[in-house]
Amino acid sequence: MAVAATKVNTLDLTPVSKADESYHRPTELKAFDDTKSGVKGLVDAGITEIPRIFYQPPESSDSGHVSDETQIHIPVIDLDHIGKTSLKRRYTVDRIREASEKFGFFN
């Protein structure tokens, strides 16, 4: 079975509705990168379907579940007391230092 494709500067990109078992994503990605025309080149060529290389394979999706390991924990530091006493200032500065070291806060 032949795969129908859209041609963009000698690039064959397989639309998702026309793909079959002969589809090889790495080959199409390399061909797309080699054209240096990018998405603008696809638009200028007048494609009518999104090429399959832009779809995420179903096996790599996470079904919407977010584990605690992937959640980002952002430190909250109250700056209200920074100028009140030297002890509170030191405590606040230490929290900022800790956040910048651990989370790259000021990188």
N, C-alpha and C. Protein backbone atom coordinates (compact mmCIF):
# COMPACT_ATOMS: atom_id res chain seq x y z
N MET A 1 0.85 -1.19 0.00
CA MET A 1 0.00 0.00 0.00
C MET A 1 0.88 1.24 0.00
N ALA A 2 0.66 2.13 -0.90
CA ALA A 2 1.43 3.37 -1.00
C ALA A 2 0.89 4.38 0.00
N VAL A 3 1.78 5.16 0.57
CA VAL A 3 1.39 6.17 1.53
C VAL A 3 1.25 7.49 0.81
N ALA A 4 0.06 8.07 0.88
CA ALA A 4 -0.15 9.39 0.30
C ALA A 4 0.53 10.40 1.21
N ALA A 5 1.14 11.38 0.64
CA ALA A 5 1.86 12.35 1.47
C ALA A 5 1.82 13.73 0.83
N THR A 6 2.16 14.71 1.64
CA THR A 6 2.25 16.08 1.19
C THR A 6 3.72 16.36 0.88
N LYS A 7 3.99 17.01 -0.23
CA LYS A 7 5.38 17.28 -0.63
C LYS A 7 5.71 18.74 -0.33
N VAL A 8 6.78 18.96 0.44
CA VAL A 8 7.24 20.30 0.77
C VAL A 8 8.74 20.32 0.50
N ASN A 9 9.13 20.98 -0.58
CA ASN A 9 10.56 21.06 -0.93
C ASN A 9 11.22 19.68 -0.88
N THR A 10 10.68 18.75 -1.61
CA THR A 10 11.14 17.36 -1.70
C THR A 10 10.99 16.60 -0.39
N LEU A 11 10.08 17.00 0.46
CA LEU A 11 9.85 16.34 1.74
C LEU A 11 8.50 15.66 1.70
N ASP A 12 8.46 14.37 1.98
CA ASP A 12 7.19 13.66 2.07
C ASP A 12 6.81 13.54 3.54
N LEU A 13 5.70 14.19 3.92
CA LEU A 13 5.20 14.10 5.28
C LEU A 13 3.86 13.38 5.25
N THR A 14 3.76 12.33 6.02
CA THR A 14 2.57 11.51 6.00
C THR A 14 1.48 12.09 6.89
N PRO A 15 0.31 12.44 6.32
CA PRO A 15 -0.80 12.86 7.17
C PRO A 15 -1.25 11.68 8.02
N VAL A 16 -1.71 11.95 9.23
CA VAL A 16 -2.07 10.88 10.16
C VAL A 16 -3.18 9.99 9.61
N SER A 17 -4.10 10.54 8.83
CA SER A 17 -5.20 9.75 8.31
C SER A 17 -4.77 8.80 7.20
N LYS A 18 -3.59 9.01 6.64
CA LYS A 18 -3.16 8.19 5.51
C LYS A 18 -1.96 7.31 5.86
N ALA A 19 -1.55 7.30 7.12
CA ALA A 19 -0.37 6.53 7.51
C ALA A 19 -0.71 5.05 7.60
N ASP A 20 0.31 4.23 7.37
CA ASP A 20 0.14 2.79 7.54
C ASP A 20 1.38 2.23 8.21
N GLU A 21 1.53 0.93 8.15
CA GLU A 21 2.64 0.28 8.84
C GLU A 21 4.02 0.68 8.30
N SER A 22 4.07 1.32 7.15
CA SER A 22 5.37 1.72 6.60
C SER A 22 5.85 3.07 7.14
N TYR A 23 5.04 3.72 7.96
CA TYR A 23 5.42 5.01 8.54
C TYR A 23 6.61 4.82 9.47
N HIS A 24 7.63 5.64 9.30
CA HIS A 24 8.83 5.60 10.14
C HIS A 24 9.12 7.02 10.62
N ARG A 25 8.71 7.34 11.84
CA ARG A 25 8.79 8.70 12.38
C ARG A 25 10.20 9.29 12.34
N PRO A 26 11.23 8.56 12.80
CA PRO A 26 12.57 9.16 12.76
C PRO A 26 13.01 9.59 11.37
N THR A 27 12.65 8.83 10.36
CA THR A 27 13.01 9.19 8.98
C THR A 27 12.31 10.47 8.56
N GLU A 28 11.02 10.58 8.88
CA GLU A 28 10.27 11.79 8.52
C GLU A 28 10.75 13.00 9.31
N LEU A 29 11.09 12.81 10.59
CA LEU A 29 11.61 13.93 11.38
C LEU A 29 12.93 14.45 10.80
N LYS A 30 13.81 13.54 10.44
CA LYS A 30 15.09 13.94 9.85
C LYS A 30 14.87 14.67 8.53
N ALA A 31 13.97 14.13 7.71
CA ALA A 31 13.68 14.77 6.43
C ALA A 31 13.11 16.18 6.64
N PHE A 32 12.23 16.33 7.63
CA PHE A 32 11.65 17.63 7.94
C PHE A 32 12.74 18.60 8.41
N ASP A 33 13.61 18.14 9.31
CA ASP A 33 14.70 18.99 9.80
C ASP A 33 15.65 19.39 8.69
N ASP A 34 15.92 18.46 7.77
CA ASP A 34 16.87 18.72 6.69
C ASP A 34 16.39 19.80 5.72
N THR A 35 15.07 20.00 5.62
CA THR A 35 14.56 21.01 4.68
C THR A 35 14.84 22.43 5.16
N LYS A 36 14.98 22.61 6.47
CA LYS A 36 15.21 23.93 7.08
C LYS A 36 14.06 24.91 6.80
N SER A 37 12.93 24.40 6.32
CA SER A 37 11.81 25.29 6.03
C SER A 37 10.85 25.41 7.21
N GLY A 38 10.89 24.47 8.12
CA GLY A 38 10.07 24.52 9.33
C GLY A 38 8.58 24.52 9.06
N VAL A 39 7.84 24.87 10.08
CA VAL A 39 6.38 24.88 9.99
C VAL A 39 5.91 25.92 8.99
N LYS A 40 6.62 27.04 8.89
CA LYS A 40 6.24 28.07 7.91
C LYS A 40 6.26 27.48 6.50
N GLY A 41 7.24 26.62 6.21
CA GLY A 41 7.30 25.97 4.91
C GLY A 41 6.08 25.10 4.65
N LEU A 42 5.58 24.45 5.70
CA LEU A 42 4.37 23.63 5.56
C LEU A 42 3.17 24.51 5.25
N VAL A 43 3.07 25.61 5.97
CA VAL A 43 1.95 26.54 5.75
C VAL A 43 2.02 27.13 4.35
N ASP A 44 3.21 27.55 3.94
CA ASP A 44 3.39 28.13 2.61
C ASP A 44 3.06 27.12 1.52
N ALA A 45 3.28 25.82 1.80
CA ALA A 45 2.99 24.78 0.82
C ALA A 45 1.50 24.47 0.75
N GLY A 46 0.73 25.00 1.70
CA GLY A 46 -0.72 24.82 1.67
C GLY A 46 -1.20 23.46 2.14
N ILE A 47 -0.51 22.86 3.12
CA ILE A 47 -0.96 21.54 3.58
C ILE A 47 -2.36 21.66 4.17
N THR A 48 -3.13 20.59 4.07
CA THR A 48 -4.50 20.60 4.58
C THR A 48 -4.67 19.67 5.77
N GLU A 49 -3.65 18.86 6.07
CA GLU A 49 -3.70 17.97 7.22
C GLU A 49 -2.39 18.10 7.99
N ILE A 50 -2.47 17.97 9.30
CA ILE A 50 -1.27 18.05 10.13
C ILE A 50 -0.45 16.78 9.91
N PRO A 51 0.82 16.93 9.55
CA PRO A 51 1.66 15.75 9.35
C PRO A 51 1.81 14.92 10.63
N ARG A 52 1.93 13.64 10.45
CA ARG A 52 1.98 12.71 11.57
C ARG A 52 3.15 12.98 12.52
N ILE A 53 4.23 13.54 12.05
CA ILE A 53 5.38 13.79 12.93
C ILE A 53 5.04 14.74 14.08
N PHE A 54 3.94 15.50 13.95
CA PHE A 54 3.56 16.43 14.99
C PHE A 54 2.59 15.84 16.00
N TYR A 55 2.24 14.57 15.84
CA TYR A 55 1.36 13.89 16.78
C TYR A 55 2.21 13.11 17.78
N GLN A 56 1.80 13.15 19.05
CA GLN A 56 2.50 12.37 20.06
C GLN A 56 1.95 10.95 20.03
N PRO A 57 2.82 9.94 19.97
CA PRO A 57 2.34 8.56 19.95
C PRO A 57 1.53 8.25 21.20
N PRO A 58 0.41 7.51 21.06
CA PRO A 58 -0.46 7.23 22.21
C PRO A 58 0.27 6.52 23.35
N GLU A 59 1.24 5.66 23.03
CA GLU A 59 1.94 4.93 24.08
C GLU A 59 2.82 5.83 24.94
N SER A 60 3.11 7.04 24.49
CA SER A 60 3.96 7.93 25.28
C SER A 60 3.14 8.92 26.11
N SER A 61 1.83 8.92 25.95
CA SER A 61 1.01 9.83 26.76
C SER A 61 0.80 9.21 28.13
N ASP A 62 0.55 10.04 29.12
CA ASP A 62 0.46 9.56 30.49
C ASP A 62 -0.97 9.43 31.01
N SER A 63 -1.94 9.45 30.16
CA SER A 63 -3.36 9.30 30.50
C SER A 63 -3.84 10.31 31.54
N GLY A 64 -3.20 11.46 31.60
CA GLY A 64 -3.67 12.52 32.48
C GLY A 64 -3.26 12.38 33.94
N HIS A 65 -2.60 11.31 34.33
CA HIS A 65 -2.20 11.11 35.72
C HIS A 65 -0.89 11.84 35.99
N VAL A 66 -0.87 12.61 37.06
CA VAL A 66 0.34 13.32 37.45
C VAL A 66 0.78 12.76 38.80
N SER A 67 1.96 12.20 38.85
CA SER A 67 2.46 11.66 40.11
C SER A 67 3.09 12.77 40.94
N ASP A 68 3.26 12.50 42.22
CA ASP A 68 3.90 13.48 43.10
C ASP A 68 5.33 13.75 42.68
N GLU A 69 5.98 12.77 42.05
CA GLU A 69 7.37 12.92 41.65
C GLU A 69 7.54 13.97 40.55
N THR A 70 6.52 14.16 39.71
CA THR A 70 6.65 15.09 38.60
C THR A 70 6.13 16.49 38.93
N GLN A 71 5.50 16.65 40.08
CA GLN A 71 4.99 17.96 40.44
C GLN A 71 6.14 18.84 40.92
N ILE A 72 6.08 20.10 40.57
CA ILE A 72 7.10 21.05 40.97
C ILE A 72 6.68 21.70 42.28
N HIS A 73 7.60 21.73 43.22
CA HIS A 73 7.34 22.37 44.51
C HIS A 73 8.10 23.70 44.53
N ILE A 74 7.36 24.78 44.58
CA ILE A 74 7.95 26.11 44.55
C ILE A 74 7.95 26.67 45.97
N PRO A 75 9.11 27.06 46.47
CA PRO A 75 9.16 27.60 47.84
C PRO A 75 8.48 28.97 47.91
N VAL A 76 7.77 29.19 49.00
CA VAL A 76 7.13 30.48 49.24
C VAL A 76 7.86 31.13 50.40
N ILE A 77 8.34 32.33 50.17
CA ILE A 77 9.12 33.04 51.19
C ILE A 77 8.44 34.37 51.48
N ASP A 78 8.08 34.57 52.73
CA ASP A 78 7.42 35.80 53.16
C ASP A 78 8.47 36.89 53.36
N LEU A 79 8.42 37.92 52.54
CA LEU A 79 9.39 39.01 52.62
C LEU A 79 8.90 40.16 53.51
N ASP A 80 7.74 40.01 54.11
CA ASP A 80 7.14 41.08 54.90
C ASP A 80 8.00 41.46 56.10
N HIS A 81 8.68 40.48 56.71
CA HIS A 81 9.42 40.75 57.94
C HIS A 81 10.90 41.01 57.73
N ILE A 82 11.34 41.13 56.48
CA ILE A 82 12.78 41.25 56.19
C ILE A 82 13.42 42.48 56.82
N GLY A 83 12.69 43.55 56.98
CA GLY A 83 13.27 44.77 57.53
C GLY A 83 12.93 45.03 58.98
N LYS A 84 12.23 44.13 59.64
CA LYS A 84 11.75 44.38 61.00
C LYS A 84 12.84 44.20 62.06
N THR A 85 13.50 43.07 62.07
CA THR A 85 14.60 42.84 63.02
C THR A 85 15.72 42.11 62.29
N SER A 86 16.92 42.18 62.88
CA SER A 86 18.05 41.50 62.23
C SER A 86 17.86 39.98 62.24
N LEU A 87 17.22 39.44 63.26
CA LEU A 87 16.97 38.00 63.33
C LEU A 87 16.01 37.56 62.23
N LYS A 88 14.93 38.33 62.02
CA LYS A 88 13.96 37.99 60.97
C LYS A 88 14.58 38.18 59.58
N ARG A 89 15.42 39.21 59.46
CA ARG A 89 16.11 39.43 58.18
C ARG A 89 17.01 38.25 57.86
N ARG A 90 17.79 37.81 58.85
CA ARG A 90 18.71 36.69 58.65
C ARG A 90 17.93 35.43 58.26
N TYR A 91 16.82 35.19 58.96
CA TYR A 91 15.99 34.02 58.67
C TYR A 91 15.48 34.08 57.22
N THR A 92 14.99 35.22 56.79
CA THR A 92 14.45 35.38 55.44
C THR A 92 15.55 35.23 54.39
N VAL A 93 16.70 35.83 54.64
CA VAL A 93 17.82 35.72 53.71
C VAL A 93 18.27 34.26 53.60
N ASP A 94 18.29 33.55 54.72
CA ASP A 94 18.65 32.12 54.70
C ASP A 94 17.66 31.32 53.86
N ARG A 95 16.35 31.63 53.95
CA ARG A 95 15.34 30.91 53.14
C ARG A 95 15.55 31.20 51.66
N ILE A 96 15.89 32.45 51.33
CA ILE A 96 16.14 32.82 49.93
C ILE A 96 17.38 32.10 49.41
N ARG A 97 18.42 32.06 50.23
CA ARG A 97 19.66 31.37 49.84
C ARG A 97 19.38 29.87 49.60
N GLU A 98 18.65 29.28 50.53
CA GLU A 98 18.31 27.86 50.41
C GLU A 98 17.50 27.59 49.14
N ALA A 99 16.54 28.46 48.86
CA ALA A 99 15.71 28.29 47.65
C ALA A 99 16.55 28.44 46.39
N SER A 100 17.47 29.39 46.40
CA SER A 100 18.28 29.60 45.20
C SER A 100 19.25 28.44 44.98
N GLU A 101 19.75 27.85 46.05
CA GLU A 101 20.65 26.70 45.92
C GLU A 101 19.91 25.43 45.51
N LYS A 102 18.77 25.21 46.12
CA LYS A 102 18.03 23.96 45.88
C LYS A 102 17.22 23.99 44.59
N PHE A 103 16.60 25.12 44.29
CA PHE A 103 15.69 25.20 43.15
C PHE A 103 16.22 26.04 42.00
N GLY A 104 17.40 26.63 42.15
CA GLY A 104 17.92 27.48 41.09
C GLY A 104 17.09 28.74 40.94
N PHE A 105 16.60 29.24 42.04
CA PHE A 105 15.65 30.35 42.05
C PHE A 105 16.13 31.56 41.29
N PHE A 106 17.41 31.92 41.39
CA PHE A 106 17.91 33.12 40.74
C PHE A 106 18.82 32.81 39.56
N ASN A 107 18.73 31.63 39.01
CA ASN A 107 19.56 31.26 37.85
C ASN A 107 19.08 31.91 36.60
